[in-house]
Each structure stands twice: as structure tokens, then as C-alpha cells.
Amino acid sequence: MTNKSLTTVDFHGATLTVLRGASPADTLVAMKPVVEGMGLNWEKQRIKIRNHPVLVPTLRVVPFGSSGGEQDSIALPLNRLNFWLATIHPNRVPDPETRARVIAYQTECADALFDHFFGKAMGGPIDRQTNGIAKSTIHKVTMLEQTIGDMSARVDQMMEAFNTMVVASDPRVAAVVAIPALQVAIEQGVKKRPRGFALRVSNALLRYCEGRREFVIHHDIYDRRLFPRAAVNEWLARGGWGPIKDSLDQKRGQGVLRFPRPHAAE
């Protein structure tokens, strides 16, 4: 095997030697430069690798080139490198500098080698496939959001048409002296109502009617509150709609400027 078959990768001041394959499982990493780059004892790690039941089946002895010629070196597949790194506990490394290098290798080493051979830096097939999946997923999410938005707008239009046609036009309904909070909002010209807006109007009218015997609140077949028309008109005349409109304007991003009412002369 010649040096042309090998690739060296600089990582945190160390030169790592790798025999590139068609996949991470076929790409072999010489372990001695990795171990010594971390500042660990190679002989201890060599014995550890040879005795590990998960690592030893994937271990390879490969003639990597060096300054003294080709020498047999222990190598692990790139897809097993992270596993071996995880077997080293940083807290058991007494030297602070060595401990820091161990953590750096555990955090970055396998990912850096993977990116070098199979990631964006090389424009490999894995990267193109990943980008294609990501773009497809983003497109589908965007289309789904647009569909949901269109459906929500259609529902609002249907509800608007229903309330305008049935509640306002049907003489049988128009004759009713009690109306729901939704109808109050429609009559005040509110077309786009944020979530919970009708309920807020309903609660405001409920508070206004509480304690007044002349205003009796009914419920329709949908269990919506029906407020007496007289109560609604009085609530509007007393400025009850003002705080509701302020809240609506704030949700729309419009500023609200109100001047205090002058106190009536006593």
C-alpha cells in the first residue's frame, strides 16, 4: 500500500492518518496518532481496544506509511471511532491539559473526520442526499402552513357569511330581542377576530348584566349566551366597547390614544 492511498487530516495540532473508503464503515482511522494527539498512553489504549468485545471485531491491522517506511498500525472504522472515544472518562485523566484535549476529541474528532470525507466540504453523496431531504421537508412544512392558513381564512369567511345572512337578514332572528356576543362584534364592524375575542365580549357583557334584574341572559341551542338588546345598547352607550376595541387594536399593532373624560360638574 502506498502513501497515495492515505489521507492526513490536521486536527487540534495533531496529524491524523486515514485510509478513505466508500463509507464510514470502510474508512479506517489509524488509532495511534489519535491517542497520542489526545496526550494518552498508546500502549494502554492498544490493549484496551484489543480486549473490548465491541471494538475487537472491527479492528484492522493496516500498513500505514511513516517516516521510517510502511508500518503495521491498528485502525478502527470511522463509524466506531465515537464509540471508542466514549470509553474514555475525562474525570479519570489527572492532567488538566490532557483532560481538555480528551474532551475536545470526544466533542469534535469523529464529526470532523466524517465531514472531511463525507460531509459538505467534499460535496459527497451523503451530503447531497441530506440536503435534498431537508429541502423537501422544508417545502412540505411551508405548503402545510399555507394550506392551514387558507383553510382558516375560508372558515372565517363562511362564519362571516353565515352570521350576516342568517342573523342579520332572517326576519325571525332579527325580531329576537337577545343576541350573542359574536353578533355584537359583527355589528361593530369587526371582521377578523383573534382567538377568544367573542368570549371576551361575552364576559364583558356578562359582568355588565350581573346584578341587574331587568337584564335576563338566555342561552341558545349551542349554549351561547344571548344578551338582551337593551343591555347591549346600554353597554355600548356607556363605553363598554372601548376597552374591547383597545385590546383588538393592540393585537393588530395599532397604538391607542385616549383622553380622559371630563368629570361632570357636581
Protein backbone atom coordinates (compact mmCIF):
# COMPACT_ATOMS: atom_id res chain seq x y z
CA MET A 1 0.00 0.00 0.00
CA THR A 2 1.44 3.37 -0.98
CA ASN A 3 1.10 6.78 0.65
CA LYS A 4 -1.14 7.87 -2.23
CA SER A 5 -3.85 5.64 -0.76
CA LEU A 6 -3.75 7.54 2.52
CA THR A 7 -5.00 10.93 3.64
CA THR A 8 -3.77 13.03 6.54
CA VAL A 9 -6.07 15.39 8.41
CA ASP A 10 -4.83 18.12 10.78
CA PHE A 11 -6.87 18.18 13.98
CA HIS A 12 -6.00 20.28 17.06
CA GLY A 13 -2.31 20.27 16.23
CA ALA A 14 -2.12 16.53 15.54
CA THR A 15 -1.84 14.84 12.14
CA LEU A 16 -4.35 12.01 11.88
CA THR A 17 -3.87 9.31 9.25
CA VAL A 18 -6.91 7.90 7.50
CA LEU A 19 -7.46 5.37 4.75
CA ARG A 20 -10.58 6.60 3.00
CA GLY A 21 -13.25 4.09 1.99
CA ALA A 22 -16.58 4.29 0.21
CA SER A 23 -18.46 4.64 3.51
CA PRO A 24 -17.71 5.37 7.19
CA ALA A 25 -17.65 1.62 7.85
CA ASP A 26 -14.92 1.20 5.22
CA THR A 27 -12.88 4.28 6.19
CA LEU A 28 -10.09 3.25 8.57
CA VAL A 29 -8.55 5.60 11.14
CA ALA A 30 -5.06 4.90 12.49
CA MET A 31 -5.55 4.91 16.24
CA LYS A 32 -2.03 5.68 17.48
CA PRO A 33 -2.00 9.30 16.15
CA VAL A 34 -5.45 9.85 17.68
CA VAL A 35 -4.40 8.51 21.09
CA GLU A 36 -1.13 10.43 21.14
CA GLY A 37 -2.86 13.57 19.89
CA MET A 38 -5.08 13.39 22.97
CA GLY A 39 -2.00 13.03 25.18
CA LEU A 40 -2.88 9.49 26.34
CA ASN A 41 -0.64 6.42 26.63
CA TRP A 42 -0.82 4.45 23.39
CA GLU A 43 0.16 1.06 24.83
CA LYS A 44 -2.64 1.16 27.41
CA GLN A 45 -5.22 2.14 24.78
CA ARG A 46 -3.94 -0.52 22.36
CA ILE A 47 -4.54 -3.22 24.96
CA LYS A 48 -7.94 -1.72 25.79
CA ILE A 49 -9.02 -1.78 22.13
CA ARG A 50 -7.84 -5.39 21.63
CA ASN A 51 -9.73 -6.55 24.72
CA HIS A 52 -13.00 -4.72 24.06
CA PRO A 53 -15.72 -7.14 22.81
CA VAL A 54 -17.38 -4.47 20.66
CA LEU A 55 -14.23 -2.96 19.14
CA VAL A 56 -12.08 -6.02 18.53
CA PRO A 57 -14.31 -7.47 15.74
CA THR A 58 -13.90 -4.24 13.76
CA LEU A 59 -10.19 -3.76 14.49
CA ARG A 60 -7.89 -3.83 11.46
CA VAL A 61 -4.10 -4.01 11.19
CA VAL A 62 -3.14 -1.83 8.23
CA PRO A 63 0.31 -0.86 6.83
CA PHE A 64 0.24 2.92 7.17
CA GLY A 65 3.19 4.88 5.83
CA SER A 66 5.55 6.80 8.16
CA SER A 67 8.95 8.47 8.07
CA GLY A 68 10.54 5.06 8.61
CA GLY A 69 8.55 3.41 5.85
CA GLU A 70 5.33 1.40 5.96
CA GLN A 71 4.46 0.02 9.38
CA ASP A 72 1.53 -2.08 10.53
CA SER A 73 -0.84 0.03 12.63
CA ILE A 74 -4.06 -0.68 14.46
CA ALA A 75 -7.05 1.04 12.87
CA LEU A 76 -10.74 1.33 13.62
CA PRO A 77 -13.56 2.12 11.20
CA LEU A 78 -14.72 5.71 11.31
CA ASN A 79 -18.19 4.60 12.44
CA ARG A 80 -16.63 3.03 15.58
CA LEU A 81 -14.42 5.98 16.50
CA ASN A 82 -17.07 7.75 18.58
CA PHE A 83 -17.75 4.53 20.48
CA TRP A 84 -14.09 4.20 21.42
CA LEU A 85 -13.91 7.89 22.42
CA ALA A 86 -16.88 7.35 24.76
CA THR A 87 -14.97 4.64 26.64
CA ILE A 88 -12.54 7.29 27.96
CA HIS A 89 -13.77 9.10 31.07
CA PRO A 90 -12.33 12.65 31.22
CA ASN A 91 -12.66 12.82 35.02
CA ARG A 92 -10.18 9.96 35.31
CA VAL A 93 -7.49 11.95 33.45
CA PRO A 94 -5.46 13.79 36.14
CA ASP A 95 -3.65 16.31 33.93
CA PRO A 96 -5.90 19.33 33.16
CA GLU A 97 -4.42 19.96 29.70
CA THR A 98 -4.78 16.32 28.70
CA ARG A 99 -8.31 16.28 30.08
CA ALA A 100 -9.18 19.31 27.95
CA ARG A 101 -7.81 17.61 24.82
CA VAL A 102 -9.78 14.45 25.60
CA ILE A 103 -13.00 16.46 25.83
CA ALA A 104 -12.17 18.28 22.58
CA TYR A 105 -11.58 14.99 20.75
CA GLN A 106 -14.76 13.46 22.17
CA THR A 107 -16.75 16.52 21.09
CA GLU A 108 -15.33 17.08 17.62
CA CYS A 109 -12.98 14.39 16.30
CA ALA A 110 -15.31 11.83 14.68
CA ASP A 111 -17.61 14.55 13.31
CA ALA A 112 -14.66 16.46 11.83
CA LEU A 113 -13.35 13.36 10.05
CA PHE A 114 -16.83 12.46 8.80
CA ASP A 115 -17.36 15.98 7.40
CA HIS A 116 -13.91 15.90 5.79
CA PHE A 117 -14.66 12.76 3.79
CA PHE A 118 -18.45 12.55 3.51
CA GLY A 119 -19.83 15.94 4.50
CA LYS A 120 -20.34 19.32 2.88
CA ALA A 121 -16.61 20.01 2.49
CA MET A 122 -16.29 17.18 -0.06
CA GLY A 123 -19.79 17.52 -1.57
CA GLY A 124 -20.27 13.78 -1.20
CA PRO A 125 -23.41 11.76 -1.92
CA ILE A 126 -24.45 11.68 1.73
CA ASP A 127 -24.41 15.48 1.87
CA ARG A 128 -26.47 15.80 -1.34
CA GLN A 129 -29.00 13.29 -0.07
CA THR A 130 -29.26 15.06 3.31
CA ASN A 131 -29.71 18.45 1.66
CA GLY A 132 -32.39 17.00 -0.62
CA ILE A 133 -34.32 15.55 2.31
CA ALA A 134 -34.02 18.83 4.26
CA LYS A 135 -35.24 20.93 1.32
CA SER A 136 -38.14 18.55 0.70
CA THR A 137 -39.15 18.66 4.37
CA ILE A 138 -38.99 22.47 4.50
CA HIS A 139 -41.10 22.68 1.32
CA LYS A 140 -43.73 20.32 2.73
CA VAL A 141 -43.91 22.24 6.03
CA THR A 142 -44.27 25.54 4.15
CA MET A 143 -47.06 24.11 1.98
CA LEU A 144 -48.82 22.71 5.06
CA GLU A 145 -48.67 26.08 6.84
CA GLN A 146 -50.07 27.79 3.74
CA THR A 147 -52.89 25.24 3.48
CA ILE A 148 -53.81 25.67 7.15
CA GLY A 149 -53.80 29.45 6.70
CA ASP A 150 -56.06 29.20 3.64
CA MET A 151 -58.46 26.88 5.48
CA SER A 152 -58.60 29.22 8.48
CA ALA A 153 -59.37 32.17 6.20
CA ARG A 154 -62.15 30.20 4.46
CA VAL A 155 -63.71 29.23 7.79
CA ASP A 156 -63.71 32.90 8.83
CA GLN A 157 -65.36 33.86 5.54
CA MET A 158 -68.01 31.15 5.93
CA MET A 159 -68.76 32.20 9.50
CA GLU A 160 -68.95 35.84 8.40
CA ALA A 161 -71.36 34.97 5.58
CA PHE A 162 -73.48 32.79 7.86
CA ASN A 163 -73.85 35.42 10.54
CA THR A 164 -74.51 38.19 8.01
CA MET A 165 -77.08 36.16 6.08
CA VAL A 166 -78.88 34.35 8.89
CA VAL A 167 -78.51 36.53 11.95
CA ALA A 168 -78.90 39.90 10.27
CA SER A 169 -81.25 39.11 7.36
CA ASP A 170 -83.67 36.50 8.66
CA PRO A 171 -86.68 38.43 9.99
CA ARG A 172 -87.37 35.71 12.54
CA VAL A 173 -83.91 36.20 14.04
CA ALA A 174 -83.97 39.97 13.67
CA ALA A 175 -87.07 40.07 15.78
CA VAL A 176 -85.33 38.35 18.66
CA VAL A 177 -84.51 40.79 21.46
CA ALA A 178 -81.44 38.85 22.64
CA ILE A 179 -78.25 38.37 20.61
CA PRO A 180 -74.92 36.55 21.10
CA ALA A 181 -71.61 38.33 21.67
CA LEU A 182 -70.49 37.34 18.17
CA GLN A 183 -73.31 39.37 16.66
CA VAL A 184 -72.29 42.37 18.78
CA ALA A 185 -68.77 42.15 17.32
CA ILE A 186 -70.11 41.87 13.76
CA GLU A 187 -72.37 44.89 14.24
CA GLN A 188 -69.34 46.86 15.48
CA GLY A 189 -67.57 46.13 12.20
CA VAL A 190 -65.09 43.54 13.44
CA LYS A 191 -64.30 41.17 10.56
CA LYS A 192 -61.14 39.42 11.69
CA ARG A 193 -61.49 38.29 15.27
CA PRO A 194 -58.48 36.85 17.15
CA ARG A 195 -58.92 33.65 19.10
CA GLY A 196 -61.07 34.15 22.19
CA PHE A 197 -62.28 37.61 21.09
CA ALA A 198 -66.01 36.71 21.10
CA LEU A 199 -65.61 35.13 24.54
CA ARG A 200 -64.05 38.34 25.86
CA VAL A 201 -67.01 40.35 24.57
CA SER A 202 -69.36 37.82 26.11
CA ASN A 203 -67.63 38.01 29.50
CA ALA A 204 -67.69 41.81 29.44
CA LEU A 205 -71.44 41.83 28.73
CA LEU A 206 -71.98 39.19 31.42
CA ARG A 207 -70.25 41.38 34.02
CA TYR A 208 -72.36 44.35 32.93
CA CYS A 209 -75.63 42.43 33.23
CA GLU A 210 -74.85 40.79 36.58
CA GLY A 211 -76.87 42.29 39.41
CA ARG A 212 -79.41 43.92 37.08
CA ARG A 213 -82.76 42.20 37.32
CA GLU A 214 -84.10 43.87 34.19
CA PHE A 215 -81.50 42.08 32.05
CA VAL A 216 -82.07 38.33 31.79
CA ILE A 217 -79.41 36.28 29.96
CA HIS A 218 -80.62 33.32 27.89
CA HIS A 219 -78.80 30.55 26.03
CA ASP A 220 -79.30 29.20 22.52
CA ILE A 221 -79.10 25.57 21.36
CA TYR A 222 -75.28 25.89 21.15
CA ASP A 223 -75.20 27.04 24.80
CA ARG A 224 -74.06 30.51 23.73
CA ARG A 225 -75.13 33.40 25.96
CA LEU A 226 -77.84 35.62 24.49
CA PHE A 227 -77.83 39.16 25.82
CA PRO A 228 -80.88 41.45 25.78
CA ARG A 229 -80.65 44.04 23.02
CA ALA A 230 -81.42 46.75 25.57
CA ALA A 231 -78.46 45.62 27.71
CA VAL A 232 -76.14 45.62 24.69
CA ASN A 233 -77.23 49.12 23.63
CA GLU A 234 -76.80 50.45 27.15
CA TRP A 235 -73.36 48.80 27.48
CA LEU A 236 -72.26 50.35 24.20
CA ALA A 237 -73.61 53.78 25.16
CA ARG A 238 -71.70 53.67 28.46
CA GLY A 239 -68.41 52.99 26.66
CA GLY A 240 -68.23 49.26 27.31
CA TRP A 241 -66.94 48.62 23.80
CA GLY A 242 -63.93 50.91 24.32
CA PRO A 243 -61.66 48.51 26.27
CA ILE A 244 -62.57 45.67 23.87
CA LYS A 245 -61.61 47.80 20.86
CA ASP A 246 -58.39 48.89 22.56
CA SER A 247 -57.44 45.24 23.04
CA LEU A 248 -58.26 44.48 19.41
CA ASP A 249 -56.19 47.44 18.19
CA GLN A 250 -53.22 46.35 20.29
CA LYS A 251 -53.35 42.86 18.77
CA ARG A 252 -53.33 44.49 15.34
CA GLY A 253 -50.31 46.58 16.32
CA GLN A 254 -52.17 49.88 16.35
CA GLY A 255 -51.48 52.42 19.03
CA VAL A 256 -54.35 53.59 21.18
CA LEU A 257 -54.54 57.15 22.48
CA ARG A 258 -57.44 58.01 24.71
CA PHE A 259 -58.04 61.28 26.52
CA PRO A 260 -59.64 61.17 29.97
CA ARG A 261 -63.28 62.10 30.06
CA PRO A 262 -64.03 65.37 31.85
CA HIS A 263 -65.80 64.86 35.15
CA ALA A 264 -69.37 66.05 35.20
CA ALA A 265 -69.96 69.13 37.28
CA GLU A 266 -71.44 68.33 40.67
